[in-house]
PDB file of N, CA and C in Angstrom:
ATOM      1  N   MET A   1       0.839  -1.161   0.000  1.00  0.00           N
ATOM      2  CA  MET A   1       0.000   0.000   0.000  1.00  0.00           C
ATOM      3  C   MET A   1       0.894   1.239   0.000  1.00  0.00           C
ATOM      4  N   PRO A   2       0.608   2.197  -0.841  1.00  0.00           N
ATOM      5  CA  PRO A   2       1.467   3.383  -0.888  1.00  0.00           C
ATOM      6  C   PRO A   2       1.299   4.243   0.352  1.00  0.00           C
ATOM      7  N   ALA A   3       2.267   5.110   0.555  1.00  0.00           N
ATOM      8  CA  ALA A   3       2.208   6.036   1.683  1.00  0.00           C
ATOM      9  C   ALA A   3       1.095   7.051   1.443  1.00  0.00           C
ATOM     10  N   ARG A   4       0.530   7.527   2.532  1.00  0.00           N
ATOM     11  CA  ARG A   4      -0.528   8.535   2.421  1.00  0.00           C
ATOM     12  C   ARG A   4       0.065   9.864   1.966  1.00  0.00           C
ATOM     13  N   VAL A   5      -0.741  10.629   1.283  1.00  0.00           N
ATOM     14  CA  VAL A   5      -0.306  11.928   0.788  1.00  0.00           C
ATOM     15  C   VAL A   5      -0.042  12.856   1.967  1.00  0.00           C
ATOM     16  N   ARG A   6       1.067  13.546   1.915  1.00  0.00           N
ATOM     17  CA  ARG A   6       1.483  14.515   2.926  1.00  0.00           C
ATOM     18  C   ARG A   6       1.653  13.908   4.311  1.00  0.00           C
ATOM     19  N   LYS A   7       1.979  12.631   4.381  1.00  0.00           N
ATOM     20  CA  LYS A   7       2.243  11.961   5.663  1.00  0.00           C
ATOM     21  C   LYS A   7       3.647  11.387   5.605  1.00  0.00           C
ATOM     22  N   ALA A   8       4.613  12.181   5.940  1.00  0.00           N
ATOM     23  CA  ALA A   8       6.016  11.777   5.818  1.00  0.00           C
ATOM     24  C   ALA A   8       6.371  10.599   6.710  1.00  0.00           C
ATOM     25  N   ARG A   9       5.655  10.408   7.793  1.00  0.00           N
ATOM     26  CA  ARG A   9       6.000   9.313   8.699  1.00  0.00           C
ATOM     27  C   ARG A   9       5.705   7.935   8.097  1.00  0.00           C
ATOM     28  N   ASP A  10       4.855   7.869   7.072  1.00  0.00           N
ATOM     29  CA  ASP A  10       4.560   6.607   6.396  1.00  0.00           C
ATOM     30  C   ASP A  10       5.623   6.246   5.365  1.00  0.00           C
ATOM     31  N   LYS A  11       6.302   7.231   4.854  1.00  0.00           N
ATOM     32  CA  LYS A  11       7.194   7.019   3.721  1.00  0.00           C
ATOM     33  C   LYS A  11       8.327   6.054   4.030  1.00  0.00           C
ATOM     34  N   ALA A  12       8.941   6.152   5.186  1.00  0.00           N
ATOM     35  CA  ALA A  12      10.060   5.280   5.538  1.00  0.00           C
ATOM     36  C   ALA A  12       9.615   3.825   5.623  1.00  0.00           C
ATOM     37  N   LEU A  13       8.437   3.577   6.156  1.00  0.00           N
ATOM     38  CA  LEU A  13       7.923   2.204   6.265  1.00  0.00           C
ATOM     39  C   LEU A  13       7.713   1.589   4.885  1.00  0.00           C
ATOM     40  N   VAL A  14       7.149   2.362   3.986  1.00  0.00           N
ATOM     41  CA  VAL A  14       6.883   1.870   2.635  1.00  0.00           C
ATOM     42  C   VAL A  14       8.187   1.628   1.895  1.00  0.00           C
ATOM     43  N   GLU A  15       9.126   2.560   2.002  1.00  0.00           N
ATOM     44  CA  GLU A  15      10.400   2.390   1.311  1.00  0.00           C
ATOM     45  C   GLU A  15      11.172   1.194   1.838  1.00  0.00           C
ATOM     46  N   ASN A  16      11.105   0.937   3.133  1.00  0.00           N
ATOM     47  CA  ASN A  16      11.773  -0.231   3.706  1.00  0.00           C
ATOM     48  C   ASN A  16      11.133  -1.519   3.199  1.00  0.00           C
ATOM     49  N   ALA A  17       9.820  -1.540   3.090  1.00  0.00           N
ATOM     50  CA  ALA A  17       9.131  -2.725   2.576  1.00  0.00           C
ATOM     51  C   ALA A  17       9.514  -2.989   1.124  1.00  0.00           C
ATOM     52  N   VAL A  18       9.621  -1.940   0.333  1.00  0.00           N
ATOM     53  CA  VAL A  18      10.023  -2.089  -1.068  1.00  0.00           C
ATOM     54  C   VAL A  18      11.453  -2.613  -1.146  1.00  0.00           C
ATOM     55  N   ARG A  19      12.333  -2.109  -0.294  1.00  0.00           N
ATOM     56  CA  ARG A  19      13.726  -2.560  -0.283  1.00  0.00           C
ATOM     57  C   ARG A  19      13.815  -4.042   0.065  1.00  0.00           C
ATOM     58  N   LEU A  20      13.059  -4.483   1.053  1.00  0.00           N
ATOM     59  CA  LEU A  20      13.071  -5.897   1.442  1.00  0.00           C
ATOM     60  C   LEU A  20      12.569  -6.792   0.310  1.00  0.00           C
ATOM     61  N   VAL A  21      11.490  -6.399  -0.313  1.00  0.00           N
ATOM     62  CA  VAL A  21      10.952  -7.195  -1.423  1.00  0.00           C
ATOM     63  C   VAL A  21      11.953  -7.248  -2.567  1.00  0.00           C
ATOM     64  N   TYR A  22      12.610  -6.138  -2.848  1.00  0.00           N
ATOM     65  CA  TYR A  22      13.613  -6.127  -3.909  1.00  0.00           C
ATOM     66  C   TYR A  22      14.755  -7.090  -3.577  1.00  0.00           C
ATOM     67  N   GLN A  23      15.247  -7.041  -2.337  1.00  0.00           N
ATOM     68  CA  GLN A  23      16.366  -7.893  -1.940  1.00  0.00           C
ATOM     69  C   GLN A  23      16.006  -9.370  -1.921  1.00  0.00           C
ATOM     70  N   ARG A  24      14.806  -9.689  -1.505  1.00  0.00           N
ATOM     71  CA  ARG A  24      14.443 -11.087  -1.293  1.00  0.00           C
ATOM     72  C   ARG A  24      13.738 -11.737  -2.483  1.00  0.00           C
ATOM     73  N   ILE A  25      13.161 -10.961  -3.365  1.00  0.00           N
ATOM     74  CA  ILE A  25      12.420 -11.546  -4.494  1.00  0.00           C
ATOM     75  C   ILE A  25      13.060 -11.172  -5.830  1.00  0.00           C
ATOM     76  N   TYR A  26      13.261  -9.897  -6.075  1.00  0.00           N
ATOM     77  CA  TYR A  26      13.754  -9.460  -7.383  1.00  0.00           C
ATOM     78  C   TYR A  26      15.239  -9.759  -7.576  1.00  0.00           C
ATOM     79  N   ALA A  27      16.063  -9.475  -6.595  1.00  0.00           N
ATOM     80  CA  ALA A  27      17.518  -9.656  -6.741  1.00  0.00           C
ATOM     81  C   ALA A  27      17.922 -11.114  -7.008  1.00  0.00           C
ATOM     82  N   PRO A  28      17.338 -12.112  -6.355  1.00  0.00           N
ATOM     83  CA  PRO A  28      17.718 -13.499  -6.677  1.00  0.00           C
ATOM     84  C   PRO A  28      17.384 -13.922  -8.113  1.00  0.00           C
ATOM     85  N   LEU A  29      16.495 -13.218  -8.760  1.00  0.00           N
ATOM     86  CA  LEU A  29      16.124 -13.547 -10.142  1.00  0.00           C
ATOM     87  C   LEU A  29      17.086 -12.946 -11.159  1.00  0.00           C
ATOM     88  N   ARG A  30      17.961 -12.070 -10.714  1.00  0.00           N
ATOM     89  CA  ARG A  30      18.804 -11.284 -11.606  1.00  0.00           C
ATOM     90  C   ARG A  30      19.657 -12.135 -12.550  1.00  0.00           C
ATOM     91  N   ASP A  31      20.291 -13.178 -12.052  1.00  0.00           N
ATOM     92  CA  ASP A  31      21.212 -13.964 -12.872  1.00  0.00           C
ATOM     93  C   ASP A  31      20.588 -15.231 -13.442  1.00  0.00           C
ATOM     94  N   ARG A  32      19.290 -15.363 -13.322  1.00  0.00           N
ATOM     95  CA  ARG A  32      18.613 -16.552 -13.837  1.00  0.00           C
ATOM     96  C   ARG A  32      17.925 -16.238 -15.154  1.00  0.00           C
ATOM     97  N   ARG A  33      17.753 -17.260 -15.959  1.00  0.00           N
ATOM     98  CA  ARG A  33      17.102 -17.105 -17.248  1.00  0.00           C
ATOM     99  C   ARG A  33      15.843 -17.965 -17.269  1.00  0.00           C
ATOM    100  N   PHE A  34      14.735 -17.366 -17.662  1.00  0.00           N
ATOM    101  CA  PHE A  34      13.458 -18.065 -17.719  1.00  0.00           C
ATOM    102  C   PHE A  34      12.991 -18.125 -19.162  1.00  0.00           C
ATOM    103  N   PHE A  35      12.412 -19.259 -19.530  1.00  0.00           N
ATOM    104  CA  PHE A  35      11.990 -19.458 -20.909  1.00  0.00           C
ATOM    105  C   PHE A  35      10.483 -19.362 -21.084  1.00  0.00           C
ATOM    106  N   THR A  36       9.747 -19.410 -19.989  1.00  0.00           N
ATOM    107  CA  THR A  36       8.303 -19.235 -20.063  1.00  0.00           C
ATOM    108  C   THR A  36       7.853 -18.320 -18.937  1.00  0.00           C
ATOM    109  N   LEU A  37       6.740 -17.674 -19.164  1.00  0.00           N
ATOM    110  CA  LEU A  37       6.173 -16.809 -18.147  1.00  0.00           C
ATOM    111  C   LEU A  37       5.708 -17.626 -16.947  1.00  0.00           C
ATOM    112  N   ALA A  38       5.215 -18.826 -17.197  1.00  0.00           N
ATOM    113  CA  ALA A  38       4.771 -19.693 -16.106  1.00  0.00           C
ATOM    114  C   ALA A  38       5.936 -20.068 -15.189  1.00  0.00           C
ATOM    115  N   GLU A  39       7.089 -20.322 -15.766  1.00  0.00           N
ATOM    116  CA  GLU A  39       8.278 -20.652 -14.976  1.00  0.00           C
ATOM    117  C   GLU A  39       8.696 -19.460 -14.106  1.00  0.00           C
ATOM    118  N   LEU A  40       8.659 -18.263 -14.668  1.00  0.00           N
ATOM    119  CA  LEU A  40       8.986 -17.055 -13.911  1.00  0.00           C
ATOM    120  C   LEU A  40       7.980 -16.841 -12.783  1.00  0.00           C
ATOM    121  N   ASN A  41       6.696 -16.979 -13.084  1.00  0.00           N
ATOM    122  CA  ASN A  41       5.660 -16.792 -12.066  1.00  0.00           C
ATOM    123  C   ASN A  41       5.789 -17.804 -10.939  1.00  0.00           C
ATOM    124  N   GLU A  42       6.135 -19.031 -11.262  1.00  0.00           N
ATOM    125  CA  GLU A  42       6.305 -20.070 -10.238  1.00  0.00           C
ATOM    126  C   GLU A  42       7.475 -19.723  -9.314  1.00  0.00           C
ATOM    127  N   THR A  43       8.569 -19.262  -9.872  1.00  0.00           N
ATOM    128  CA  THR A  43       9.736 -18.897  -9.071  1.00  0.00           C
ATOM    129  C   THR A  43       9.429 -17.692  -8.191  1.00  0.00           C
ATOM    130  N   ILE A  44       8.742 -16.707  -8.744  1.00  0.00           N
ATOM    131  CA  ILE A  44       8.356 -15.533  -7.953  1.00  0.00           C
ATOM    132  C   ILE A  44       7.432 -15.952  -6.813  1.00  0.00           C
ATOM    133  N   SER A  45       6.519 -16.853  -7.086  1.00  0.00           N
ATOM    134  CA  SER A  45       5.609 -17.345  -6.053  1.00  0.00           C
ATOM    135  C   SER A  45       6.369 -18.042  -4.926  1.00  0.00           C
ATOM    136  N   GLU A  46       7.349 -18.859  -5.274  1.00  0.00           N
ATOM    137  CA  GLU A  46       8.150 -19.549  -4.262  1.00  0.00           C
ATOM    138  C   GLU A  46       8.941 -18.556  -3.412  1.00  0.00           C
ATOM    139  N   LEU A  47       9.545 -17.561  -4.054  1.00  0.00           N
ATOM    140  CA  LEU A  47      10.312 -16.561  -3.317  1.00  0.00           C
ATOM    141  C   LEU A  47       9.406 -15.708  -2.427  1.00  0.00           C
ATOM    142  N   THR A  48       8.200 -15.436  -2.901  1.00  0.00           N
ATOM    143  CA  THR A  48       7.239 -14.675  -2.094  1.00  0.00           C
ATOM    144  C   THR A  48       6.815 -15.477  -0.870  1.00  0.00           C
ATOM    145  N   GLU A  49       6.591 -16.770  -1.048  1.00  0.00           N
ATOM    146  CA  GLU A  49       6.250 -17.630   0.093  1.00  0.00           C
ATOM    147  C   GLU A  49       7.376 -17.641   1.123  1.00  0.00           C
ATOM    148  N   ASP A  50       8.610 -17.771   0.650  1.00  0.00           N
ATOM    149  CA  ASP A  50       9.759 -17.746   1.562  1.00  0.00           C
ATOM    150  C   ASP A  50       9.824 -16.424   2.319  1.00  0.00           C
ATOM    151  N   HIS A  51       9.589 -15.330   1.604  1.00  0.00           N
ATOM    152  CA  HIS A  51       9.621 -14.007   2.230  1.00  0.00           C
ATOM    153  C   HIS A  51       8.530 -13.883   3.293  1.00  0.00           C
ATOM    154  N   ASN A  52       7.331 -14.339   2.978  1.00  0.00           N
ATOM    155  CA  ASN A  52       6.216 -14.220   3.922  1.00  0.00           C
ATOM    156  C   ASN A  52       6.347 -15.156   5.114  1.00  0.00           C
ATOM    157  N   ASN A  53       7.028 -16.274   4.954  1.00  0.00           N
ATOM    158  CA  ASN A  53       7.175 -17.231   6.051  1.00  0.00           C
ATOM    159  C   ASN A  53       8.411 -16.989   6.908  1.00  0.00           C
ATOM    160  N   ARG A  54       9.291 -16.100   6.475  1.00  0.00           N
ATOM    161  CA  ARG A  54      10.503 -15.785   7.244  1.00  0.00           C
ATOM    162  C   ARG A  54      10.122 -14.962   8.469  1.00  0.00           C
ATOM    163  N   PRO A  55      10.591 -15.358   9.650  1.00  0.00           N
ATOM    164  CA  PRO A  55      10.235 -14.588  10.854  1.00  0.00           C
ATOM    165  C   PRO A  55      10.912 -13.216  10.854  1.00  0.00           C
ATOM    166  N   PHE A  56      10.255 -12.261  11.489  1.00  0.00           N
ATOM    167  CA  PHE A  56      10.838 -10.938  11.652  1.00  0.00           C
ATOM    168  C   PHE A  56      12.091 -11.039  12.502  1.00  0.00           C
ATOM    169  N   SER A  57      12.992 -10.097  12.350  1.00  0.00           N
ATOM    170  CA  SER A  57      14.253 -10.159  13.101  1.00  0.00           C
ATOM    171  C   SER A  57      14.048  -9.888  14.585  1.00  0.00           C
ATOM    172  N   ARG A  58      13.074  -9.072  14.943  1.00  0.00           N
ATOM    173  CA  ARG A  58      12.867  -8.734  16.358  1.00  0.00           C
ATOM    174  C   ARG A  58      11.624  -9.369  16.962  1.00  0.00           C
ATOM    175  N   LEU A  59      10.859 -10.079  16.145  1.00  0.00           N
ATOM    176  CA  LEU A  59       9.647 -10.729  16.630  1.00  0.00           C
ATOM    177  C   LEU A  59       9.721 -12.222  16.346  1.00  0.00           C
ATOM    178  N   ALA A  60       8.927 -12.960  17.037  1.00  0.00           N
ATOM    179  CA  ALA A  60       8.901 -14.402  16.818  1.00  0.00           C
ATOM    180  C   ALA A  60       7.885 -14.793  15.740  1.00  0.00           C
ATOM    181  N   HIS A  61       7.246 -13.814  15.135  1.00  0.00           N
ATOM    182  CA  HIS A  61       6.203 -14.075  14.145  1.00  0.00           C
ATOM    183  C   HIS A  61       6.703 -13.799  12.734  1.00  0.00           C
ATOM    184  N   SER A  62       6.038 -14.410  11.783  1.00  0.00           N
ATOM    185  CA  SER A  62       6.300 -14.126  10.372  1.00  0.00           C
ATOM    186  C   SER A  62       5.156 -13.271   9.819  1.00  0.00           C
ATOM    187  N   ARG A  63       5.332 -12.761   8.613  1.00  0.00           N
ATOM    188  CA  ARG A  63       4.268 -11.992   7.978  1.00  0.00           C
ATOM    189  C   ARG A  63       3.012 -12.853   7.794  1.00  0.00           C
ATOM    190  N   ARG A  64       3.221 -14.106   7.444  1.00  0.00           N
ATOM    191  CA  ARG A  64       2.091 -15.016   7.244  1.00  0.00           C
ATOM    192  C   ARG A  64       1.283 -15.192   8.535  1.00  0.00           C
ATOM    193  N   GLU A  65       1.978 -15.369   9.658  1.00  0.00           N
ATOM    194  CA  GLU A  65       1.297 -15.550  10.945  1.00  0.00           C
ATOM    195  C   GLU A  65       0.527 -14.293  11.351  1.00  0.00           C
ATOM    196  N   LEU A  66       1.080 -13.124  11.102  1.00  0.00           N
ATOM    197  CA  LEU A  66       0.376 -11.880  11.444  1.00  0.00           C
ATOM    198  C   LEU A  66      -0.831 -11.682  10.544  1.00  0.00           C
ATOM    199  N   PHE A  67      -0.720 -12.090   9.286  1.00  0.00           N
ATOM    200  CA  PHE A  67      -1.845 -11.938   8.367  1.00  0.00           C
ATOM    201  C   PHE A  67      -2.996 -12.862   8.741  1.00  0.00           C
ATOM    202  N   GLU A  68      -2.658 -14.081   9.114  1.00  0.00           N
ATOM    203  CA  GLU A  68      -3.710 -15.046   9.455  1.00  0.00           C
ATOM    204  C   GLU A  68      -4.229 -14.776  10.830  1.00  0.00           C
TER     205      GLU A  68
END
């Protein structure tokens, strides 16, 4: 979800979330070659699952557990 307009305190949270997603999902795909869109989507799905199931560094919960 994007940061609210004229609410600077939201911006850092959103930018940090984008940075984490880039590091954990987009960056591992950088040196790989995909021949079908389905293969790319499957890999992105697996990396997203790993990201959502990884526990927070300061909490004992994962994103998946907080969502459910």
